[in-house]
Protein backbone atom coordinates (compact mmCIF):
# COMPACT_ATOMS: atom_id res chain seq x y z
CA UNK A 1 -21.28 65.99 141.17
CA UNK A 2 -24.32 64.91 141.69
CA UNK A 3 -24.35 61.77 144.49
CA UNK A 4 -27.21 60.26 145.62
CA UNK A 5 -27.92 57.45 148.43
CA UNK A 6 -24.85 57.38 149.83
CA UNK A 7 -23.02 55.29 152.36
CA UNK A 8 -21.45 55.82 155.37
CA UNK A 9 -18.04 54.63 155.62
CA UNK A 10 -18.03 55.40 159.94
CA UNK A 11 -21.01 53.20 160.08
CA UNK A 12 -20.03 50.46 157.69
CA UNK A 13 -16.60 49.40 157.28
CA UNK A 14 -15.40 46.31 155.68
CA UNK A 15 -17.34 43.62 155.81
CA UNK A 16 -16.01 41.03 158.50
CA UNK A 17 -16.79 38.20 155.67
CA UNK A 18 -14.76 40.74 153.00
CA UNK A 19 -12.14 41.07 155.13
CA UNK A 20 -11.15 38.24 156.26
CA UNK A 21 -10.77 37.14 152.61
CA UNK A 22 -8.12 40.15 152.82
CA UNK A 23 -6.07 39.14 155.98
CA UNK A 24 -3.42 36.27 155.88
CA UNK A 25 -4.37 32.61 157.44
CA UNK A 26 -2.40 33.84 160.71
CA UNK A 27 -5.30 36.05 161.31
CA UNK A 28 -7.89 33.22 160.58
CA UNK A 29 -6.27 31.00 163.25
CA UNK A 30 -5.81 33.81 165.70
CA UNK A 31 -9.90 34.63 164.86
CA UNK A 32 -10.52 30.86 165.56
CA UNK A 33 -9.70 31.78 169.33
CA UNK A 34 -12.31 33.95 169.39
CA UNK A 35 -15.42 32.76 169.47
CA UNK A 36 -17.34 35.99 170.01
CA UNK A 37 -16.01 37.31 166.62
CA UNK A 38 -19.70 37.21 164.94
CA UNK A 39 -21.72 39.78 163.37
CA UNK A 40 -23.42 40.00 166.23
CA UNK A 41 -20.37 40.74 168.22
CA UNK A 42 -19.62 43.54 165.53
CA UNK A 43 -22.93 44.95 165.49
CA UNK A 44 -23.23 49.03 166.22
CA UNK A 45 -23.05 50.10 169.69
CA UNK A 46 -26.05 52.09 171.36
CA UNK A 47 -24.82 55.23 172.13
CA UNK A 48 -26.25 58.72 172.09
CA UNK A 49 -29.10 59.93 169.73
CA UNK A 50 -27.81 60.79 166.44
CA UNK A 51 -28.53 62.63 163.04
CA UNK A 52 -27.92 61.90 159.44
CA UNK A 53 -26.14 64.39 157.58
CA UNK A 54 -23.90 63.62 154.24
CA UNK A 55 -20.35 64.82 153.87
CA UNK A 56 -18.40 66.43 150.92
CA UNK A 57 -18.03 62.92 148.87
CA UNK A 58 -21.77 61.64 149.29
CA UNK A 59 -21.04 59.16 152.16
CA UNK A 60 -23.77 59.20 154.63
CA UNK A 61 -22.57 59.74 158.31
CA UNK A 62 -24.41 59.72 161.67
CA UNK A 63 -23.70 62.36 163.90
CA UNK A 64 -24.05 63.02 167.89
CA UNK A 65 -24.05 66.34 168.75
CA UNK A 66 -20.67 66.11 169.63
CA UNK A 67 -19.81 65.38 166.36
CA UNK A 68 -21.26 68.25 164.53
CA UNK A 69 -19.63 70.63 167.28
CA UNK A 70 -16.52 68.73 166.00
CA UNK A 71 -17.08 69.42 162.66
CA UNK A 72 -18.23 72.46 162.81
CA UNK A 73 -14.72 73.83 164.33
CA UNK A 74 -13.58 71.26 161.55
CA UNK A 75 -15.08 73.24 158.80
CA UNK A 76 -14.19 77.05 160.25
CA UNK A 77 -10.20 75.57 160.12
CA UNK A 78 -10.88 74.15 157.02
CA UNK A 79 -11.86 77.91 155.43
CA UNK A 80 -8.72 79.29 157.36
CA UNK A 81 -6.38 76.44 155.94
CA UNK A 82 -7.79 76.63 152.20
CA UNK A 83 -6.68 80.64 152.76
CA UNK A 84 -3.06 79.63 153.38
CA UNK A 85 -3.71 77.68 149.95
CA UNK A 86 -4.65 80.63 148.17
CA UNK A 87 -1.29 81.80 147.04
CA UNK A 88 -0.46 78.82 145.43
CA UNK A 89 -3.48 78.50 142.45
CA UNK A 90 -4.25 75.29 141.15
CA UNK A 91 -1.94 74.30 138.60
CA UNK A 92 1.33 75.98 139.60
CA UNK A 93 4.09 75.63 141.50
CA UNK A 94 3.86 74.00 145.25
CA UNK A 95 5.52 75.67 147.88
CA UNK A 96 9.14 74.32 149.17
CA UNK A 97 9.42 71.03 151.02
CA UNK A 98 8.53 72.20 154.61
CA UNK A 99 6.00 74.33 153.85
CA UNK A 100 4.16 71.99 151.43
CA UNK A 101 4.46 69.48 154.26
CA UNK A 102 2.86 71.84 156.97
CA UNK A 103 -0.15 72.67 154.74
CA UNK A 104 -0.82 69.18 153.79
CA UNK A 105 -0.75 68.05 157.44
CA UNK A 106 -3.19 71.07 157.83
CA UNK A 107 -5.51 69.32 154.87
CA UNK A 108 -5.74 69.88 151.27
CA UNK A 109 -8.98 71.71 150.46
CA UNK A 110 -10.80 69.11 147.88
CA UNK A 111 -11.06 71.30 145.16
CA UNK A 112 -7.67 71.25 145.20
CA UNK A 113 -6.68 67.46 145.63
CA UNK A 114 -6.71 66.35 142.00
CA UNK A 115 -3.95 68.92 141.35
CA UNK A 116 -1.82 68.40 144.87
CA UNK A 117 -1.92 64.72 144.62
CA UNK A 118 -1.03 64.66 141.60
CA UNK A 119 1.87 66.44 142.63
CA UNK A 120 3.27 65.20 145.70
CA UNK A 121 2.82 61.53 144.79
CA UNK A 122 4.47 61.35 141.73
CA UNK A 123 1.64 60.78 139.84
CA UNK A 124 1.79 63.70 137.11
CA UNK A 125 5.63 62.93 136.43
CA UNK A 126 4.35 58.88 135.62
CA UNK A 127 1.46 59.93 133.65
CA UNK A 128 3.99 62.53 132.01
CA UNK A 129 6.72 59.83 131.04
CA UNK A 130 4.28 57.94 128.92
CA UNK A 131 2.10 58.09 126.12
CA UNK A 132 -1.43 60.04 126.39
CA UNK A 133 -3.29 56.54 125.24
CA UNK A 134 -1.43 54.56 128.14
CA UNK A 135 -4.40 54.57 130.67
CA UNK A 136 -6.67 53.68 127.65
CA UNK A 137 -4.82 51.05 126.42
CA UNK A 138 -4.22 49.02 130.04
CA UNK A 139 -7.60 49.53 131.09
CA UNK A 140 -8.76 48.16 127.43
CA UNK A 141 -6.03 45.35 127.79
CA UNK A 142 -7.17 44.77 131.34
CA UNK A 143 -10.85 43.94 130.63
CA UNK A 144 -10.01 41.40 128.04
CA UNK A 145 -6.53 39.96 129.00
CA UNK A 146 -6.15 40.00 132.85
CA UNK A 147 -6.63 37.16 134.66
CA UNK A 148 -8.15 39.41 137.66
CA UNK A 149 -10.97 40.68 135.81
CA UNK A 150 -13.98 38.23 137.02
CA UNK A 151 -12.34 39.39 140.37
CA UNK A 152 -12.72 42.87 139.89
CA UNK A 153 -16.00 42.63 138.76
CA UNK A 154 -17.33 40.78 141.51
CA UNK A 155 -15.75 43.30 143.94
CA UNK A 156 -16.89 46.64 142.11
CA UNK A 157 -20.44 46.30 143.45
CA UNK A 158 -19.38 45.31 146.52
CA UNK A 159 -17.80 48.66 146.96
CA UNK A 160 -19.21 51.47 149.07
CA UNK A 161 -22.41 49.77 148.69
CA UNK A 162 -24.68 52.81 149.30
CA UNK A 163 -22.58 55.18 147.90
CA UNK A 164 -24.74 56.54 145.26
CA UNK A 165 -22.17 57.42 142.60
CA UNK A 166 -19.71 54.42 143.33
CA UNK A 167 -22.63 52.37 142.75
CA UNK A 168 -24.18 53.87 139.85
CA UNK A 169 -23.39 52.98 136.19
CA UNK A 170 -20.86 55.71 135.75
CA UNK A 171 -19.28 54.52 138.87
CA UNK A 172 -19.08 51.23 138.22
CA UNK A 173 -17.43 51.27 134.78
CA UNK A 174 -14.83 53.92 135.96
CA UNK A 175 -13.96 51.75 139.24
CA UNK A 176 -13.68 48.75 136.94
CA UNK A 177 -11.58 50.02 134.52
CA UNK A 178 -9.48 51.80 136.73
CA UNK A 179 -8.85 48.33 138.50
CA UNK A 180 -7.91 46.75 135.20
CA UNK A 181 -6.04 48.87 134.03
CA UNK A 182 -3.54 48.38 137.10
CA UNK A 183 -3.73 44.98 136.80
CA UNK A 184 -2.48 45.16 133.61
CA UNK A 185 0.02 47.96 134.46
CA UNK A 186 1.64 45.79 136.87
CA UNK A 187 0.75 42.30 136.44
CA UNK A 188 3.43 41.25 139.42
CA UNK A 189 0.87 42.38 141.88
CA UNK A 190 -2.20 42.15 140.03
CA UNK A 191 -5.45 42.49 142.02
CA UNK A 192 -5.91 42.20 145.74
CA UNK A 193 -8.99 42.66 147.54
CA UNK A 194 -8.66 46.37 149.66
CA UNK A 195 -7.68 48.20 146.49
CA UNK A 196 -11.36 48.00 145.13
CA UNK A 197 -11.72 50.40 147.99
CA UNK A 198 -8.38 53.08 147.57
CA UNK A 199 -9.42 53.25 143.66
CA UNK A 200 -13.02 54.13 144.36
CA UNK A 201 -12.06 56.90 146.89
CA UNK A 202 -9.55 58.19 145.03
CA UNK A 203 -12.08 58.30 142.06
CA UNK A 204 -14.15 60.41 144.50
CA UNK A 205 -11.52 62.91 145.48
CA UNK A 206 -10.50 63.38 141.98
CA UNK A 207 -13.41 64.36 140.73
CA UNK A 208 -14.23 61.13 139.49
CA UNK A 209 -11.28 61.51 136.94
CA UNK A 210 -10.33 57.93 135.51
CA UNK A 211 -6.92 58.54 135.08
CA UNK A 212 -6.07 60.34 137.65
CA UNK A 213 -7.27 58.32 139.94
CA UNK A 214 -5.14 54.86 138.12
CA UNK A 215 -2.01 57.14 137.94
CA UNK A 216 -2.18 57.95 142.01
CA UNK A 217 -2.86 54.20 142.69
CA UNK A 218 0.06 53.17 140.52
CA UNK A 219 2.23 55.70 142.76
CA UNK A 220 1.09 54.37 145.64
CA UNK A 221 1.46 50.59 145.10
CA UNK A 222 3.87 50.64 141.74
CA UNK A 223 6.17 47.36 143.37
CA UNK A 224 8.87 48.42 144.64
CA UNK A 225 9.21 52.07 143.50
CA UNK A 226 5.97 52.96 144.80
CA UNK A 227 5.09 54.79 148.55
CA UNK A 228 3.66 52.11 150.46
CA UNK A 229 6.09 49.49 151.12
CA UNK A 230 7.12 46.51 148.97
CA UNK A 231 4.89 43.35 148.70
CA UNK A 232 2.28 44.93 150.51
CA UNK A 233 -0.20 43.89 147.64
CA UNK A 234 2.26 40.98 146.32
CA UNK A 235 0.52 37.42 145.82
CA UNK A 236 1.74 36.56 148.94
CA UNK A 237 1.05 39.36 151.22
CA UNK A 238 4.58 39.50 153.09
CA UNK A 239 4.46 43.20 153.33
CA UNK A 240 1.21 43.43 155.20
CA UNK A 241 2.90 40.73 158.05
CA UNK A 242 6.22 43.11 157.58
CA UNK A 243 4.05 46.35 158.33
CA UNK A 244 1.65 44.32 160.89
CA UNK A 245 5.22 43.04 163.21
CA UNK A 246 6.79 46.63 162.90
CA UNK A 247 3.08 48.48 164.22
CA UNK A 248 3.17 45.80 166.86
CA UNK A 249 6.45 46.44 167.87
CA UNK A 250 5.99 50.11 168.17
CA UNK A 251 2.50 49.78 169.91
CA UNK A 252 4.86 47.82 172.78
CA UNK A 253 7.09 51.08 173.00
CA UNK A 254 4.65 53.37 172.34
CA UNK A 255 1.54 52.17 174.33
CA UNK A 256 2.91 48.92 176.36
CA UNK A 257 0.03 48.87 178.72
CA UNK A 258 -2.20 48.64 175.29
CA UNK A 259 0.23 46.15 173.78
CA UNK A 260 0.23 43.90 177.32
CA UNK A 261 -3.26 43.54 177.59
CA UNK A 262 -3.74 42.42 173.58
CA UNK A 263 -1.47 39.75 174.72
CA UNK A 264 -3.49 39.24 177.50
CA UNK A 265 -6.41 38.94 175.14
CA UNK A 266 -4.87 37.09 173.00
CA UNK A 267 -5.62 39.51 170.24
CA UNK A 268 -3.34 39.69 167.42
CA UNK A 269 -2.43 43.05 165.77
CA UNK A 270 -2.95 41.74 162.39
CA UNK A 271 -6.79 41.49 163.48
CA UNK A 272 -6.78 45.40 164.56
CA UNK A 273 -4.85 47.08 161.70
CA UNK A 274 -4.91 45.10 158.38
CA UNK A 275 -7.57 46.38 156.65
CA UNK A 276 -6.57 49.89 158.07
CA UNK A 277 -3.03 49.35 156.18
CA UNK A 278 -4.76 47.52 152.83
CA UNK A 279 -7.36 50.24 152.69
CA UNK A 280 -5.63 53.02 153.75
CA UNK A 281 -8.00 53.60 156.00
CA UNK A 282 -10.99 54.43 154.09
CA UNK A 283 -12.90 51.65 155.53
CA UNK A 284 -12.16 52.87 159.05
CA UNK A 285 -12.76 56.17 159.33
CA UNK A 286 -15.27 58.71 157.83
CA UNK A 287 -14.14 59.55 154.19
CA UNK A 288 -13.12 62.92 155.31
CA UNK A 289 -10.90 61.90 157.98
CA UNK A 290 -9.56 59.41 155.39
CA UNK A 291 -8.97 62.12 152.77
CA UNK A 292 -6.77 64.45 155.15
CA UNK A 293 -4.68 60.99 156.28
CA UNK A 294 -4.35 60.49 152.37
CA UNK A 295 -3.40 64.69 152.43
CA UNK A 296 -0.16 63.49 154.84
CA UNK A 297 0.35 60.03 153.41
CA UNK A 298 0.81 61.28 149.83
CA UNK A 299 3.64 64.11 150.76
CA UNK A 300 5.13 62.00 153.33
CA UNK A 301 4.92 58.35 152.65
CA UNK A 302 4.12 55.24 154.84
CA UNK A 303 5.21 56.02 158.12
CA UNK A 304 1.79 58.28 158.42
CA UNK A 305 0.03 55.01 158.52
CA UNK A 306 2.01 54.15 161.56
CA UNK A 307 1.52 57.70 162.91
CA UNK A 308 -2.85 57.61 162.61
CA UNK A 309 -2.71 53.69 163.92
CA UNK A 310 -1.31 54.48 166.87
CA UNK A 311 -2.94 57.37 167.46
CA UNK A 312 -6.22 55.99 166.89
CA UNK A 313 -5.40 53.36 169.65
CA UNK A 314 -4.01 56.07 172.00
CA UNK A 315 -7.13 57.82 171.80
CA UNK A 316 -9.41 54.78 172.52
CA UNK A 317 -6.93 53.17 174.70
CA UNK A 318 -9.19 53.75 177.96
CA UNK A 319 -12.07 51.83 176.08
CA UNK A 320 -9.66 49.21 174.75
CA UNK A 321 -7.82 48.55 178.16
CA UNK A 322 -11.59 48.00 179.88
CA UNK A 323 -12.33 45.04 176.86
CA UNK A 324 -12.58 42.11 178.86
CA UNK A 325 -12.12 40.10 175.58
CA UNK A 326 -11.03 40.49 172.15
CA UNK A 327 -14.41 40.83 170.13
CA UNK A 328 -15.34 43.78 172.85
CA UNK A 329 -12.04 45.11 171.56
CA UNK A 330 -12.38 45.30 168.37
CA UNK A 331 -15.97 46.60 168.45
CA UNK A 332 -14.40 49.47 170.81
CA UNK A 333 -11.51 50.34 168.30
CA UNK A 334 -14.00 49.93 165.09
CA UNK A 335 -16.69 52.36 167.08
CA UNK A 336 -13.56 55.06 167.85
CA UNK A 337 -12.44 55.09 164.26
CA UNK A 338 -16.03 55.03 162.75
CA UNK A 339 -16.64 58.28 165.44
CA UNK A 340 -13.55 60.15 164.44
CA UNK A 341 -15.30 62.63 163.04
CA UNK A 342 -12.89 65.66 164.11
CA UNK A 343 -10.27 65.10 161.63
CA UNK A 344 -8.41 68.12 162.98
CA UNK A 345 -7.74 66.51 166.31
CA UNK A 346 -7.10 62.99 164.98
CA UNK A 347 -4.04 64.75 162.60
CA UNK A 348 -3.04 66.86 165.70
CA UNK A 349 -2.92 63.50 167.88
CA UNK A 350 -1.17 61.61 165.35
CA UNK A 351 1.50 64.27 164.65
CA UNK A 352 1.99 65.94 168.05
CA UNK A 353 0.73 63.41 170.93
CA UNK A 354 2.45 60.52 169.23
CA UNK A 355 5.75 61.95 170.24
CA UNK A 356 8.84 60.95 167.95
CA UNK A 357 8.58 58.29 164.99
CA UNK A 358 12.04 58.70 163.30
CA UNK A 359 12.17 57.07 159.72
CA UNK A 360 15.12 55.40 160.80
CA UNK A 361 13.44 53.44 163.61
CA UNK A 362 10.91 52.09 160.87
CA UNK A 363 13.22 50.87 158.77
CA UNK A 364 15.14 48.82 161.14
CA UNK A 365 11.62 47.30 162.40
CA UNK A 366 11.33 46.32 158.85
CA UNK A 367 14.70 44.50 157.79
CA UNK A 368 14.06 42.56 160.71
CA UNK A 369 10.56 41.61 160.24
CA UNK A 370 11.27 41.27 156.70
CA UNK A 371 13.67 39.03 157.83
CA UNK A 372 11.78 36.51 159.97
CA UNK A 373 9.06 36.73 157.51
CA UNK A 374 11.47 35.25 154.90
CA UNK A 375 12.50 32.94 157.25
CA UNK A 376 9.28 31.68 158.01
CA UNK A 377 7.75 31.59 154.57
CA UNK A 378 10.94 29.31 153.50
CA UNK A 379 10.68 26.95 156.26
CA UNK A 380 7.07 26.89 155.05
CA UNK A 381 8.10 26.44 151.87
CA UNK A 382 9.97 23.29 153.51
CA UNK A 383 7.05 21.73 155.14
CA UNK A 384 5.18 22.31 151.57
CA UNK A 385 7.58 20.14 150.28
CA UNK A 386 7.64 17.49 153.20
CA UNK A 387 3.78 17.36 152.99
CA UNK A 388 3.75 16.68 148.87
CA UNK A 389 5.91 13.59 150.17
CA UNK A 390 3.03 12.45 152.57
CA UNK A 391 4.53 13.96 155.68
CA UNK A 392 1.65 14.14 157.96
CA UNK A 393 3.29 16.79 160.12
CA UNK A 394 3.38 19.12 156.71
CA UNK A 395 -0.59 18.30 155.88
CA UNK A 396 -1.15 18.90 159.52
CA UNK A 397 0.47 22.53 159.50
CA UNK A 398 -0.86 23.43 156.68
CA UNK A 399 -4.24 23.66 158.23
CA UNK A 400 -2.92 26.27 160.38
CA UNK A 401 -0.44 28.00 158.30
CA UNK A 402 -0.27 31.55 157.49
CA UNK A 403 -1.60 32.53 154.24
CA UNK A 404 1.64 34.30 152.94
CA UNK A 405 3.05 30.78 153.28
CA UNK A 406 0.50 29.06 152.08
CA UNK A 407 -3.18 30.27 151.00
CA UNK A 408 -2.42 33.14 148.42
CA UNK A 409 -4.80 36.06 147.94
CA UNK A 410 -5.70 34.49 144.55
CA UNK A 411 -7.07 31.09 146.36
CA UNK A 412 -8.90 32.93 148.49
CA UNK A 413 -10.32 35.30 146.30
CA UNK A 414 -11.32 32.27 144.00
CA UNK A 415 -12.72 30.22 147.08
CA UNK A 416 -16.59 30.14 146.50
CA UNK A 417 -19.18 29.78 149.63
CA UNK A 418 -21.25 32.87 151.40
CA UNK A 419 -19.05 35.07 154.13
CA UNK A 420 -21.18 34.15 156.47
CA UNK A 421 -20.38 30.61 156.65
CA UNK A 422 -16.88 30.69 156.22
CA UNK A 423 -17.19 33.16 159.15
CA UNK A 424 -19.07 30.44 160.98
CA UNK A 425 -16.33 27.63 160.12
CA UNK A 426 -13.70 29.81 161.88
CA UNK A 427 -15.65 30.53 165.29
CA UNK A 428 -17.05 27.03 165.71
CA UNK A 429 -14.33 26.49 168.19
CA UNK A 430 -14.75 27.87 171.80
CA UNK A 431 -12.51 30.77 173.09
CA UNK A 432 -11.00 28.37 175.65
CA UNK A 433 -10.04 25.69 173.03
CA UNK A 434 -8.48 28.22 170.43
CA UNK A 435 -6.63 29.51 173.30
CA UNK A 436 -5.12 26.58 174.51
CA UNK A 437 -4.13 26.12 170.49
CA UNK A 438 -2.50 29.58 170.24
CA UNK A 439 -0.34 28.70 173.62
CA UNK A 440 0.52 25.67 172.12
CA UNK A 441 1.77 27.50 168.36
CA UNK A 442 3.35 30.24 170.56
CA UNK A 443 5.96 28.18 171.37
CA UNK A 444 8.46 29.95 170.75
CA UNK A 445 7.07 33.75 169.82
CA UNK A 446 8.68 36.36 167.81
CA UNK A 447 10.45 39.10 169.92
CA UNK A 448 9.65 42.66 169.08
C-alpha cells in the first residue's frame, strides 16, 4: 500500500475548533473560563531536537533520541510477539479467551489485524448474518438518501489532512462510502464528528478494505449492541456525558492529587478526555499506539479506554500538577499523549500500573451517572418548555446549558463560520470572570 505525504497524528491532533464541535456545550461553558485556550496556547512546545520518520500506516512522526530508542525496543518486542502469533495462522481459529486476551494486550501484528479485529469485535459474524451485497447497498443509499451526507462530505477532506492515502482520491471515496453506509445502517445514530477519524484509521489498518472497516465500525458503535457505551454518538451525546463523569470518578480514586488540581484550575474532565473517547485515542496518540489500544479495546471492551486514559494521566501527572492554569495543563497533556511512542510502556502502564479496575465498578459509576444525566436532561426539557412560554429564566439558561440537553450534534455541525471565529467568541471573557460564572453555576456540584 503506497502512501505519500503522511500526517503526524502525534503532532497534529484534532483541531481545537473541530474538537469544540464534537464536545458537549458543558465543555464550551468551561472553556469560556480559560482565557489562555487559544491556538497560540496550544502551539507545539519547544524541546529536544527531533527527526522525522514515518510509521507503518504512513503517518509522519517527529522523534527525539529517546523516542527512537523506545521505538527500537518496541520493534524488537513486536518481532517476539509476532512469533507468538505464528501458531495461529491468519484465517484459522483464534486461541482460547485468556490466551487471546494476553496476545491482544501484547499487540496484534499489523498483517493480522484484518483477521483478528474482524473476529474479536464480532464484525465477521455481523457481516456473515447479512446479504453479501448489504454494505454496497447501504453505501449507495447513504450517498443519496442519508441526511448526513453533506456533513460527511465536508468532514472527509478534514480527516488526517496530511496523510497521503486518506487525502487521495481512493481514500476520500472509501472514507465517504464507509461513513454514508454506517449512517444508513444505523439511522438512530447517523453520523457524529469523530467517527471520520475512527473510520479512516480502520481503513488504514484493515488494508483499505471498506467493508471490513464498515463492519468493525458497526461493531463498535451499533446502538446498544455495540462495544462502546450506549449513546456515545447519539443525537444528544448523552453517553459521552456518562463516560466523562465515570472517568472523573475513577480519577478521584486513582489519582486524587490530580483530581484536586483539576478542580482548583476549574478544568473539567471533558476538556481533557472527550476527544479521547469519541475518537478512541486516534487523534491524540501516534497511530501505532492507537492501534495497540484498539487491539485490546476490540477484544476486551470499553474498560480499556478508561485504563489507557488513567495511564496517560498517571504518566503525565508531574507535568500536569506543575501546570499553573488550564491552558498549560491541556498543553502538557496533549504533548504527553502525542509523544507516547513507547506503546509497550503505555499498555503495560494501562494494565499493570493503574491497578484493579473491575468492570462492575465502571458499571456502578455508569448507572449512577446515567440517572444524573437523565435527570438533568429532563430538567433541561422543563426549562426549554418554560422558555417556549416566554420564561426569561429559561432563555438565560439556554445560553449556558449542556449540549446534550440543548444544542445537538446536528445543530453544532450545521453552524457555519470559521472555527477561529467561534474559538475567539468562546475565549473572549477573562479567566477571572469565567471562574466567577462557574462558581455561581457550581452551587450544587455533582458528587462523585
